[in-house]
Amino acid sequence: MADPMKIRAAVVGDATEVKVLMSHEMETGQRKDAQGKIVPAWFIQTVSVTHNGRPVLGAQWGTAIAKNPFLSFRFKGGAKGDKIQITWVDNRGDKRTDEAIVA
């Protein structure tokens, strides 16, 4: 998987707005391939976000999330120059971590 995540983080008013585009195929386990065999489920199970090392978001996802998911959220307390780190783990155990600096 190339480019596991594209992250944008910026201070908007009194909150920090984070937007993340995650690169992942996200198979439900219900689709069949050209030979009629079921394509095994493959999806992001957990997402965690930290702000300067402190957790600000945790999520558990399932098969209903679309391919290359987009996540957007806000939290209070961020400032320009702070570090945002995002980690996801899928049901095969693949793990990706990326980080951005708040603009």
PDB file of N, CA and C in Angstrom:
ATOM      1  N   MET A   1       0.827  -1.176   0.000  1.00  0.00           N
ATOM      2  CA  MET A   1       0.000   0.000   0.000  1.00  0.00           C
ATOM      3  C   MET A   1       0.875   1.244   0.000  1.00  0.00           C
ATOM      4  N   ALA A   2       0.730   2.064  -1.000  1.00  0.00           N
ATOM      5  CA  ALA A   2       1.474   3.320  -1.054  1.00  0.00           C
ATOM      6  C   ALA A   2       0.687   4.409  -0.340  1.00  0.00           C
ATOM      7  N   ASP A   3       1.388   5.384   0.185  1.00  0.00           N
ATOM      8  CA  ASP A   3       0.748   6.512   0.870  1.00  0.00           C
ATOM      9  C   ASP A   3      -0.354   6.055   1.820  1.00  0.00           C
ATOM     10  N   PRO A   4       0.013   5.489   2.963  1.00  0.00           N
ATOM     11  CA  PRO A   4      -1.017   4.993   3.867  1.00  0.00           C
ATOM     12  C   PRO A   4      -1.981   6.057   4.359  1.00  0.00           C
ATOM     13  N   MET A   5      -1.521   7.307   4.503  1.00  0.00           N
ATOM     14  CA  MET A   5      -2.397   8.378   4.969  1.00  0.00           C
ATOM     15  C   MET A   5      -1.957   9.728   4.444  1.00  0.00           C
ATOM     16  N   LYS A   6      -2.942  10.589   4.247  1.00  0.00           N
ATOM     17  CA  LYS A   6      -2.699  12.004   3.972  1.00  0.00           C
ATOM     18  C   LYS A   6      -3.419  12.748   5.075  1.00  0.00           C
ATOM     19  N   ILE A   7      -2.685  13.544   5.837  1.00  0.00           N
ATOM     20  CA  ILE A   7      -3.232  14.203   7.022  1.00  0.00           C
ATOM     21  C   ILE A   7      -3.104  15.713   6.888  1.00  0.00           C
ATOM     22  N   ARG A   8      -4.167  16.413   7.246  1.00  0.00           N
ATOM     23  CA  ARG A   8      -4.162  17.866   7.348  1.00  0.00           C
ATOM     24  C   ARG A   8      -4.679  18.208   8.737  1.00  0.00           C
ATOM     25  N   ALA A   9      -4.000  19.076   9.440  1.00  0.00           N
ATOM     26  CA  ALA A   9      -4.430  19.521  10.761  1.00  0.00           C
ATOM     27  C   ALA A   9      -4.221  21.023  10.851  1.00  0.00           C
ATOM     28  N   ALA A  10      -5.253  21.730  11.301  1.00  0.00           N
ATOM     29  CA  ALA A  10      -5.164  23.182  11.395  1.00  0.00           C
ATOM     30  C   ALA A  10      -6.023  23.689  12.545  1.00  0.00           C
ATOM     31  N   VAL A  11      -5.590  24.793  13.127  1.00  0.00           N
ATOM     32  CA  VAL A  11      -6.379  25.442  14.167  1.00  0.00           C
ATOM     33  C   VAL A  11      -7.482  26.231  13.474  1.00  0.00           C
ATOM     34  N   VAL A  12      -8.736  25.977  13.905  1.00  0.00           N
ATOM     35  CA  VAL A  12      -9.899  26.676  13.367  1.00  0.00           C
ATOM     36  C   VAL A  12     -10.677  27.211  14.556  1.00  0.00           C
ATOM     37  N   GLY A  13     -10.586  28.516  14.790  1.00  0.00           N
ATOM     38  CA  GLY A  13     -11.228  29.099  15.968  1.00  0.00           C
ATOM     39  C   GLY A  13     -10.552  28.593  17.231  1.00  0.00           C
ATOM     40  N   ASP A  14     -11.344  28.000  18.123  1.00  0.00           N
ATOM     41  CA  ASP A  14     -10.781  27.472  19.378  1.00  0.00           C
ATOM     42  C   ASP A  14     -10.569  25.963  19.333  1.00  0.00           C
ATOM     43  N   ALA A  15     -10.657  25.366  18.140  1.00  0.00           N
ATOM     44  CA  ALA A  15     -10.498  23.916  18.000  1.00  0.00           C
ATOM     45  C   ALA A  15      -9.431  23.593  16.956  1.00  0.00           C
ATOM     46  N   THR A  16      -8.962  22.366  17.000  1.00  0.00           N
ATOM     47  CA  THR A  16      -8.044  21.860  15.982  1.00  0.00           C
ATOM     48  C   THR A  16      -8.837  20.918  15.092  1.00  0.00           C
ATOM     49  N   GLU A  17      -8.828  21.176  13.798  1.00  0.00           N
ATOM     50  CA  GLU A  17      -9.546  20.351  12.840  1.00  0.00           C
ATOM     51  C   GLU A  17      -8.553  19.415  12.155  1.00  0.00           C
ATOM     52  N   VAL A  18      -8.860  18.121  12.170  1.00  0.00           N
ATOM     53  CA  VAL A  18      -7.992  17.114  11.564  1.00  0.00           C
ATOM     54  C   VAL A  18      -8.771  16.409  10.457  1.00  0.00           C
ATOM     55  N   LYS A  19      -8.146  16.275   9.297  1.00  0.00           N
ATOM     56  CA  LYS A  19      -8.729  15.550   8.163  1.00  0.00           C
ATOM     57  C   LYS A  19      -7.714  14.507   7.713  1.00  0.00           C
ATOM     58  N   VAL A  20      -8.184  13.276   7.556  1.00  0.00           N
ATOM     59  CA  VAL A  20      -7.295  12.170   7.215  1.00  0.00           C
ATOM     60  C   VAL A  20      -7.893  11.350   6.079  1.00  0.00           C
ATOM     61  N   LEU A  21      -7.102  11.086   5.057  1.00  0.00           N
ATOM     62  CA  LEU A  21      -7.471  10.172   3.981  1.00  0.00           C
ATOM     63  C   LEU A  21      -6.567   8.953   4.122  1.00  0.00           C
ATOM     64  N   MET A  22      -7.171   7.793   4.361  1.00  0.00           N
ATOM     65  CA  MET A  22      -6.414   6.557   4.579  1.00  0.00           C
ATOM     66  C   MET A  22      -6.500   5.687   3.329  1.00  0.00           C
ATOM     67  N   SER A  23      -5.375   5.172   2.893  1.00  0.00           N
ATOM     68  CA  SER A  23      -5.331   4.304   1.726  1.00  0.00           C
ATOM     69  C   SER A  23      -5.473   2.851   2.182  1.00  0.00           C
ATOM     70  N   HIS A  24      -6.627   2.238   1.851  1.00  0.00           N
ATOM     71  CA  HIS A  24      -6.873   0.841   2.230  1.00  0.00           C
ATOM     72  C   HIS A  24      -8.011   0.294   1.369  1.00  0.00           C
ATOM     73  N   GLU A  25      -7.881  -0.946   0.927  1.00  0.00           N
ATOM     74  CA  GLU A  25      -8.868  -1.562   0.032  1.00  0.00           C
ATOM     75  C   GLU A  25     -10.226  -1.823   0.686  1.00  0.00           C
ATOM     76  N   MET A  26     -10.265  -2.155   1.970  1.00  0.00           N
ATOM     77  CA  MET A  26     -11.499  -2.324   2.735  1.00  0.00           C
ATOM     78  C   MET A  26     -12.484  -3.319   2.084  1.00  0.00           C
ATOM     79  N   GLU A  27     -12.160  -4.584   2.091  1.00  0.00           N
ATOM     80  CA  GLU A  27     -13.050  -5.630   1.576  1.00  0.00           C
ATOM     81  C   GLU A  27     -14.016  -6.090   2.673  1.00  0.00           C
ATOM     82  N   THR A  28     -15.273  -6.295   2.302  1.00  0.00           N
ATOM     83  CA  THR A  28     -16.312  -6.679   3.277  1.00  0.00           C
ATOM     84  C   THR A  28     -16.337  -8.174   3.575  1.00  0.00           C
ATOM     85  N   GLY A  29     -15.816  -8.983   2.668  1.00  0.00           N
ATOM     86  CA  GLY A  29     -15.912 -10.431   2.824  1.00  0.00           C
ATOM     87  C   GLY A  29     -17.186 -10.985   2.205  1.00  0.00           C
ATOM     88  N   GLN A  30     -17.938 -10.145   1.500  1.00  0.00           N
ATOM     89  CA  GLN A  30     -19.192 -10.574   0.866  1.00  0.00           C
ATOM     90  C   GLN A  30     -19.126 -10.543  -0.653  1.00  0.00           C
ATOM     91  N   ARG A  31     -18.079  -9.952  -1.209  1.00  0.00           N
ATOM     92  CA  ARG A  31     -17.936  -9.840  -2.657  1.00  0.00           C
ATOM     93  C   ARG A  31     -17.279 -11.103  -3.212  1.00  0.00           C
ATOM     94  N   LYS A  32     -17.646 -11.466  -4.443  1.00  0.00           N
ATOM     95  CA  LYS A  32     -17.032 -12.613  -5.103  1.00  0.00           C
ATOM     96  C   LYS A  32     -16.129 -12.140  -6.234  1.00  0.00           C
ATOM     97  N   ASP A  33     -15.041 -12.895  -6.469  1.00  0.00           N
ATOM     98  CA  ASP A  33     -14.139 -12.557  -7.568  1.00  0.00           C
ATOM     99  C   ASP A  33     -14.675 -13.140  -8.877  1.00  0.00           C
ATOM    100  N   ALA A  34     -13.897 -13.022  -9.957  1.00  0.00           N
ATOM    101  CA  ALA A  34     -14.333 -13.474 -11.280  1.00  0.00           C
ATOM    102  C   ALA A  34     -14.585 -14.981 -11.341  1.00  0.00           C
ATOM    103  N   GLN A  35     -13.921 -15.751 -10.469  1.00  0.00           N
ATOM    104  CA  GLN A  35     -14.116 -17.201 -10.432  1.00  0.00           C
ATOM    105  C   GLN A  35     -15.250 -17.615  -9.495  1.00  0.00           C
ATOM    106  N   GLY A  36     -15.900 -16.649  -8.857  1.00  0.00           N
ATOM    107  CA  GLY A  36     -17.014 -16.942  -7.969  1.00  0.00           C
ATOM    108  C   GLY A  36     -16.608 -17.232  -6.536  1.00  0.00           C
ATOM    109  N   LYS A  37     -15.338 -17.069  -6.213  1.00  0.00           N
ATOM    110  CA  LYS A  37     -14.876 -17.292  -4.844  1.00  0.00           C
ATOM    111  C   LYS A  37     -15.035 -16.009  -4.031  1.00  0.00           C
ATOM    112  N   ILE A  38     -15.377 -16.154  -2.769  1.00  0.00           N
ATOM    113  CA  ILE A  38     -15.537 -14.995  -1.898  1.00  0.00           C
ATOM    114  C   ILE A  38     -14.181 -14.354  -1.627  1.00  0.00           C
ATOM    115  N   VAL A  39     -14.126 -13.038  -1.782  1.00  0.00           N
ATOM    116  CA  VAL A  39     -12.920 -12.275  -1.468  1.00  0.00           C
ATOM    117  C   VAL A  39     -12.909 -12.104   0.052  1.00  0.00           C
ATOM    118  N   PRO A  40     -11.858 -12.555   0.735  1.00  0.00           N
ATOM    119  CA  PRO A  40     -11.827 -12.480   2.203  1.00  0.00           C
ATOM    120  C   PRO A  40     -11.938 -11.052   2.733  1.00  0.00           C
ATOM    121  N   ALA A  41     -12.548 -10.933   3.889  1.00  0.00           N
ATOM    122  CA  ALA A  41     -12.683  -9.621   4.537  1.00  0.00           C
ATOM    123  C   ALA A  41     -11.302  -9.051   4.843  1.00  0.00           C
ATOM    124  N   TRP A  42     -11.162  -7.762   4.637  1.00  0.00           N
ATOM    125  CA  TRP A  42      -9.907  -7.058   4.914  1.00  0.00           C
ATOM    126  C   TRP A  42     -10.269  -5.612   5.161  1.00  0.00           C
ATOM    127  N   PHE A  43     -10.205  -5.188   6.407  1.00  0.00           N
ATOM    128  CA  PHE A  43     -10.687  -3.860   6.763  1.00  0.00           C
ATOM    129  C   PHE A  43      -9.937  -3.311   7.970  1.00  0.00           C
ATOM    130  N   ILE A  44      -9.945  -1.994   8.093  1.00  0.00           N
ATOM    131  CA  ILE A  44      -9.341  -1.341   9.241  1.00  0.00           C
ATOM    132  C   ILE A  44     -10.225  -1.607  10.450  1.00  0.00           C
ATOM    133  N   GLN A  45      -9.625  -2.120  11.523  1.00  0.00           N
ATOM    134  CA  GLN A  45     -10.387  -2.425  12.733  1.00  0.00           C
ATOM    135  C   GLN A  45     -10.310  -1.319  13.768  1.00  0.00           C
ATOM    136  N   THR A  46      -9.129  -0.764  13.985  1.00  0.00           N
ATOM    137  CA  THR A  46      -8.992   0.275  15.006  1.00  0.00           C
ATOM    138  C   THR A  46      -8.235   1.469  14.449  1.00  0.00           C
ATOM    139  N   VAL A  47      -8.647   2.636  14.916  1.00  0.00           N
ATOM    140  CA  VAL A  47      -7.982   3.887  14.576  1.00  0.00           C
ATOM    141  C   VAL A  47      -7.739   4.608  15.894  1.00  0.00           C
ATOM    142  N   SER A  48      -6.530   5.117  16.068  1.00  0.00           N
ATOM    143  CA  SER A  48      -6.240   5.906  17.266  1.00  0.00           C
ATOM    144  C   SER A  48      -5.485   7.166  16.860  1.00  0.00           C
ATOM    145  N   VAL A  49      -5.800   8.257  17.566  1.00  0.00           N
ATOM    146  CA  VAL A  49      -5.189   9.550  17.274  1.00  0.00           C
ATOM    147  C   VAL A  49      -4.663  10.139  18.571  1.00  0.00           C
ATOM    148  N   THR A  50      -3.423  10.637  18.502  1.00  0.00           N
ATOM    149  CA  THR A  50      -2.853  11.325  19.657  1.00  0.00           C
ATOM    150  C   THR A  50      -2.476  12.748  19.269  1.00  0.00           C
ATOM    151  N   HIS A  51      -2.539  13.617  20.253  1.00  0.00           N
ATOM    152  CA  HIS A  51      -2.125  15.014  20.119  1.00  0.00           C
ATOM    153  C   HIS A  51      -1.005  15.223  21.119  1.00  0.00           C
ATOM    154  N   ASN A  52       0.210  15.435  20.626  1.00  0.00           N
ATOM    155  CA  ASN A  52       1.400  15.547  21.483  1.00  0.00           C
ATOM    156  C   ASN A  52       1.500  14.370  22.456  1.00  0.00           C
ATOM    157  N   GLY A  53       1.171  13.164  21.963  1.00  0.00           N
ATOM    158  CA  GLY A  53       1.300  11.955  22.763  1.00  0.00           C
ATOM    159  C   GLY A  53       0.102  11.610  23.625  1.00  0.00           C
ATOM    160  N   ARG A  54      -0.894  12.483  23.689  1.00  0.00           N
ATOM    161  CA  ARG A  54      -2.090  12.226  24.506  1.00  0.00           C
ATOM    162  C   ARG A  54      -3.245  11.826  23.597  1.00  0.00           C
ATOM    163  N   PRO A  55      -3.989  10.771  23.937  1.00  0.00           N
ATOM    164  CA  PRO A  55      -5.081  10.319  23.067  1.00  0.00           C
ATOM    165  C   PRO A  55      -6.215  11.341  22.960  1.00  0.00           C
ATOM    166  N   VAL A  56      -6.680  11.551  21.727  1.00  0.00           N
ATOM    167  CA  VAL A  56      -7.824  12.429  21.493  1.00  0.00           C
ATOM    168  C   VAL A  56      -8.963  11.727  20.774  1.00  0.00           C
ATOM    169  N   LEU A  57      -8.698  10.575  20.150  1.00  0.00           N
ATOM    170  CA  LEU A  57      -9.748   9.849  19.443  1.00  0.00           C
ATOM    171  C   LEU A  57      -9.372   8.380  19.356  1.00  0.00           C
ATOM    172  N   GLY A  58     -10.356   7.526  19.551  1.00  0.00           N
ATOM    173  CA  GLY A  58     -10.203   6.098  19.352  1.00  0.00           C
ATOM    174  C   GLY A  58     -11.451   5.590  18.650  1.00  0.00           C
ATOM    175  N   ALA A  59     -11.295   4.729  17.669  1.00  0.00           N
ATOM    176  CA  ALA A  59     -12.441   4.224  16.912  1.00  0.00           C
ATOM    177  C   ALA A  59     -12.257   2.749  16.613  1.00  0.00           C
ATOM    178  N   GLN A  60     -13.372   2.036  16.574  1.00  0.00           N
ATOM    179  CA  GLN A  60     -13.391   0.652  16.138  1.00  0.00           C
ATOM    180  C   GLN A  60     -14.277   0.583  14.910  1.00  0.00           C
ATOM    181  N   TRP A  61     -13.708   0.119  13.808  1.00  0.00           N
ATOM    182  CA  TRP A  61     -14.437   0.071  12.547  1.00  0.00           C
ATOM    183  C   TRP A  61     -14.702  -1.373  12.154  1.00  0.00           C
ATOM    184  N   GLY A  62     -15.616  -1.539  11.205  1.00  0.00           N
ATOM    185  CA  GLY A  62     -15.948  -2.863  10.689  1.00  0.00           C
ATOM    186  C   GLY A  62     -15.976  -2.835   9.174  1.00  0.00           C
ATOM    187  N   THR A  63     -16.679  -3.784   8.605  1.00  0.00           N
ATOM    188  CA  THR A  63     -16.691  -3.959   7.152  1.00  0.00           C
ATOM    189  C   THR A  63     -17.524  -2.921   6.415  1.00  0.00           C
ATOM    190  N   ALA A  64     -18.322  -2.135   7.120  1.00  0.00           N
ATOM    191  CA  ALA A  64     -19.206  -1.162   6.468  1.00  0.00           C
ATOM    192  C   ALA A  64     -18.503   0.139   6.082  1.00  0.00           C
ATOM    193  N   ILE A  65     -17.223   0.273   6.357  1.00  0.00           N
ATOM    194  CA  ILE A  65     -16.481   1.482   6.007  1.00  0.00           C
ATOM    195  C   ILE A  65     -15.980   1.361   4.568  1.00  0.00           C
ATOM    196  N   ALA A  66     -16.096   2.446   3.811  1.00  0.00           N
ATOM    197  CA  ALA A  66     -15.751   2.451   2.393  1.00  0.00           C
ATOM    198  C   ALA A  66     -14.251   2.340   2.142  1.00  0.00           C
ATOM    199  N   LYS A  67     -13.908   1.945   0.930  1.00  0.00           N
ATOM    200  CA  LYS A  67     -12.521   1.893   0.469  1.00  0.00           C
ATOM    201  C   LYS A  67     -11.896   3.279   0.608  1.00  0.00           C
ATOM    202  N   ASN A  68     -10.627   3.337   0.996  1.00  0.00           N
ATOM    203  CA  ASN A  68      -9.899   4.587   1.184  1.00  0.00           C
ATOM    204  C   ASN A  68     -10.695   5.568   2.054  1.00  0.00           C
ATOM    205  N   PRO A  69     -10.947   5.187   3.298  1.00  0.00           N
ATOM    206  CA  PRO A  69     -11.811   6.004   4.158  1.00  0.00           C
ATOM    207  C   PRO A  69     -11.246   7.386   4.472  1.00  0.00           C
ATOM    208  N   PHE A  70     -12.175   8.326   4.638  1.00  0.00           N
ATOM    209  CA  PHE A  70     -11.866   9.701   5.008  1.00  0.00           C
ATOM    210  C   PHE A  70     -12.428   9.943   6.403  1.00  0.00           C
ATOM    211  N   LEU A  71     -11.615  10.496   7.281  1.00  0.00           N
ATOM    212  CA  LEU A  71     -12.027  10.785   8.649  1.00  0.00           C
ATOM    213  C   LEU A  71     -11.766  12.257   8.921  1.00  0.00           C
ATOM    214  N   SER A  72     -12.761  12.943   9.479  1.00  0.00           N
ATOM    215  CA  SER A  72     -12.619  14.350   9.830  1.00  0.00           C
ATOM    216  C   SER A  72     -13.192  14.541  11.229  1.00  0.00           C
ATOM    217  N   PHE A  73     -12.465  15.264  12.075  1.00  0.00           N
ATOM    218  CA  PHE A  73     -12.936  15.516  13.437  1.00  0.00           C
ATOM    219  C   PHE A  73     -12.252  16.759  13.978  1.00  0.00           C
ATOM    220  N   ARG A  74     -12.796  17.271  15.087  1.00  0.00           N
ATOM    221  CA  ARG A  74     -12.226  18.434  15.774  1.00  0.00           C
ATOM    222  C   ARG A  74     -12.034  18.095  17.243  1.00  0.00           C
ATOM    223  N   PHE A  75     -11.060  18.728  17.838  1.00  0.00           N
ATOM    224  CA  PHE A  75     -10.870  18.642  19.284  1.00  0.00           C
ATOM    225  C   PHE A  75     -10.342  19.974  19.789  1.00  0.00           C
ATOM    226  N   LYS A  76     -10.567  20.238  21.047  1.00  0.00           N
ATOM    227  CA  LYS A  76     -10.108  21.494  21.646  1.00  0.00           C
ATOM    228  C   LYS A  76      -8.741  21.296  22.273  1.00  0.00           C
ATOM    229  N   GLY A  77      -7.961  22.366  22.288  1.00  0.00           N
ATOM    230  CA  GLY A  77      -6.688  22.331  22.991  1.00  0.00           C
ATOM    231  C   GLY A  77      -5.449  22.283  22.123  1.00  0.00           C
ATOM    232  N   GLY A  78      -5.593  22.240  20.819  1.00  0.00           N
ATOM    233  CA  GLY A  78      -4.422  22.189  19.957  1.00  0.00           C
ATOM    234  C   GLY A  78      -3.886  23.579  19.635  1.00  0.00           C
ATOM    235  N   ALA A  79      -2.645  23.624  19.204  1.00  0.00           N
ATOM    236  CA  ALA A  79      -2.009  24.877  18.804  1.00  0.00           C
ATOM    237  C   ALA A  79      -1.097  24.622  17.611  1.00  0.00           C
ATOM    238  N   LYS A  80      -0.786  25.687  16.880  1.00  0.00           N
ATOM    239  CA  LYS A  80       0.125  25.557  15.739  1.00  0.00           C
ATOM    240  C   LYS A  80       1.444  24.966  16.216  1.00  0.00           C
ATOM    241  N   GLY A  81       1.979  24.020  15.422  1.00  0.00           N
ATOM    242  CA  GLY A  81       3.244  23.384  15.751  1.00  0.00           C
ATOM    243  C   GLY A  81       3.103  22.098  16.545  1.00  0.00           C
ATOM    244  N   ASP A  82       1.895  21.798  17.055  1.00  0.00           N
ATOM    245  CA  ASP A  82       1.678  20.548  17.794  1.00  0.00           C
ATOM    246  C   ASP A  82       1.720  19.353  16.846  1.00  0.00           C
ATOM    247  N   LYS A  83       1.995  18.180  17.404  1.00  0.00           N
ATOM    248  CA  LYS A  83       2.096  16.958  16.606  1.00  0.00           C
ATOM    249  C   LYS A  83       0.828  16.111  16.749  1.00  0.00           C
ATOM    250  N   ILE A  84       0.272  15.704  15.609  1.00  0.00           N
ATOM    251  CA  ILE A  84      -0.864  14.786  15.550  1.00  0.00           C
ATOM    252  C   ILE A  84      -0.337  13.472  14.979  1.00  0.00           C
ATOM    253  N   GLN A  85      -0.603  12.364  15.673  1.00  0.00           N
ATOM    254  CA  GLN A  85      -0.179  11.049  15.183  1.00  0.00           C
ATOM    255  C   GLN A  85      -1.404  10.154  15.054  1.00  0.00           C
ATOM    256  N   ILE A  86      -1.521   9.505  13.901  1.00  0.00           N
ATOM    257  CA  ILE A  86      -2.659   8.634  13.622  1.00  0.00           C
ATOM    258  C   ILE A  86      -2.137   7.241  13.308  1.00  0.00           C
ATOM    259  N   THR A  87      -2.772   6.259  13.950  1.00  0.00           N
ATOM    260  CA  THR A  87      -2.406   4.855  13.743  1.00  0.00           C
ATOM    261  C   THR A  87      -3.660   4.050  13.446  1.00  0.00           C
ATOM    262  N   TRP A  88      -3.582   3.179  12.427  1.00  0.00           N
ATOM    263  CA  TRP A  88      -4.668   2.234  12.220  1.00  0.00           C
ATOM    264  C   TRP A  88      -4.100   0.822  12.144  1.00  0.00           C
ATOM    265  N   VAL A  89      -4.942  -0.145  12.527  1.00  0.00           N
ATOM    266  CA  VAL A  89      -4.588  -1.565  12.470  1.00  0.00           C
ATOM    267  C   VAL A  89      -5.734  -2.271  11.774  1.00  0.00           C
ATOM    268  N   ASP A  90      -5.421  -3.133  10.787  1.00  0.00           N
ATOM    269  CA  ASP A  90      -6.498  -3.852  10.107  1.00  0.00           C
ATOM    270  C   ASP A  90      -6.635  -5.279  10.644  1.00  0.00           C
ATOM    271  N   ASN A  91      -7.622  -5.995  10.135  1.00  0.00           N
ATOM    272  CA  ASN A  91      -7.921  -7.337  10.653  1.00  0.00           C
ATOM    273  C   ASN A  91      -6.875  -8.380  10.260  1.00  0.00           C
ATOM    274  N   ARG A  92      -5.919  -8.037   9.425  1.00  0.00           N
ATOM    275  CA  ARG A  92      -4.799  -8.935   9.104  1.00  0.00           C
ATOM    276  C   ARG A  92      -3.579  -8.636   9.962  1.00  0.00           C
ATOM    277  N   GLY A  93      -3.692  -7.610  10.809  1.00  0.00           N
ATOM    278  CA  GLY A  93      -2.577  -7.232  11.665  1.00  0.00           C
ATOM    279  C   GLY A  93      -1.659  -6.177  11.075  1.00  0.00           C
ATOM    280  N   ASP A  94      -1.948  -5.724   9.841  1.00  0.00           N
ATOM    281  CA  ASP A  94      -1.159  -4.640   9.248  1.00  0.00           C
ATOM    282  C   ASP A  94      -1.395  -3.369  10.051  1.00  0.00           C
ATOM    283  N   LYS A  95      -0.331  -2.616  10.276  1.00  0.00           N
ATOM    284  CA  LYS A  95      -0.412  -1.405  11.077  1.00  0.00           C
ATOM    285  C   LYS A  95       0.267  -0.267  10.337  1.00  0.00           C
ATOM    286  N   ARG A  96      -0.366   0.890  10.313  1.00  0.00           N
ATOM    287  CA  ARG A  96       0.222   2.072   9.693  1.00  0.00           C
ATOM    288  C   ARG A  96       0.133   3.221  10.673  1.00  0.00           C
ATOM    289  N   THR A  97       1.202   3.996  10.739  1.00  0.00           N
ATOM    290  CA  THR A  97       1.245   5.182  11.575  1.00  0.00           C
ATOM    291  C   THR A  97       1.813   6.326  10.748  1.00  0.00           C
ATOM    292  N   ASP A  98       1.204   7.491  10.894  1.00  0.00           N
ATOM    293  CA  ASP A  98       1.695   8.674  10.212  1.00  0.00           C
ATOM    294  C   ASP A  98       1.444   9.871  11.119  1.00  0.00           C
ATOM    295  N   GLU A  99       2.124  10.952  10.862  1.00  0.00           N
ATOM    296  CA  GLU A  99       1.938  12.118  11.713  1.00  0.00           C
ATOM    297  C   GLU A  99       1.975  13.398  10.897  1.00  0.00           C
ATOM    298  N   ALA A 100       1.423  14.456  11.504  1.00  0.00           N
ATOM    299  CA  ALA A 100       1.387  15.769  10.879  1.00  0.00           C
ATOM    300  C   ALA A 100       1.582  16.815  11.966  1.00  0.00           C
ATOM    301  N   ILE A 101       1.983  17.975  11.542  1.00  0.00           N
ATOM    302  CA  ILE A 101       2.138  19.119  12.429  1.00  0.00           C
ATOM    303  C   ILE A 101       0.950  20.050  12.188  1.00  0.00           C
ATOM    304  N   VAL A 102       0.350  20.533  13.271  1.00  0.00           N
ATOM    305  CA  VAL A 102      -0.789  21.432  13.170  1.00  0.00           C
ATOM    306  C   VAL A 102      -0.339  22.754  12.554  1.00  0.00           C
ATOM    307  N   ALA A 103      -1.083  23.177  11.526  1.00  0.00           N
ATOM    308  CA  ALA A 103      -0.772  24.445  10.834  1.00  0.00           C
ATOM    309  C   ALA A 103      -1.604  25.578  11.401  1.00  0.00           C
TER     310      ALA A 103
END
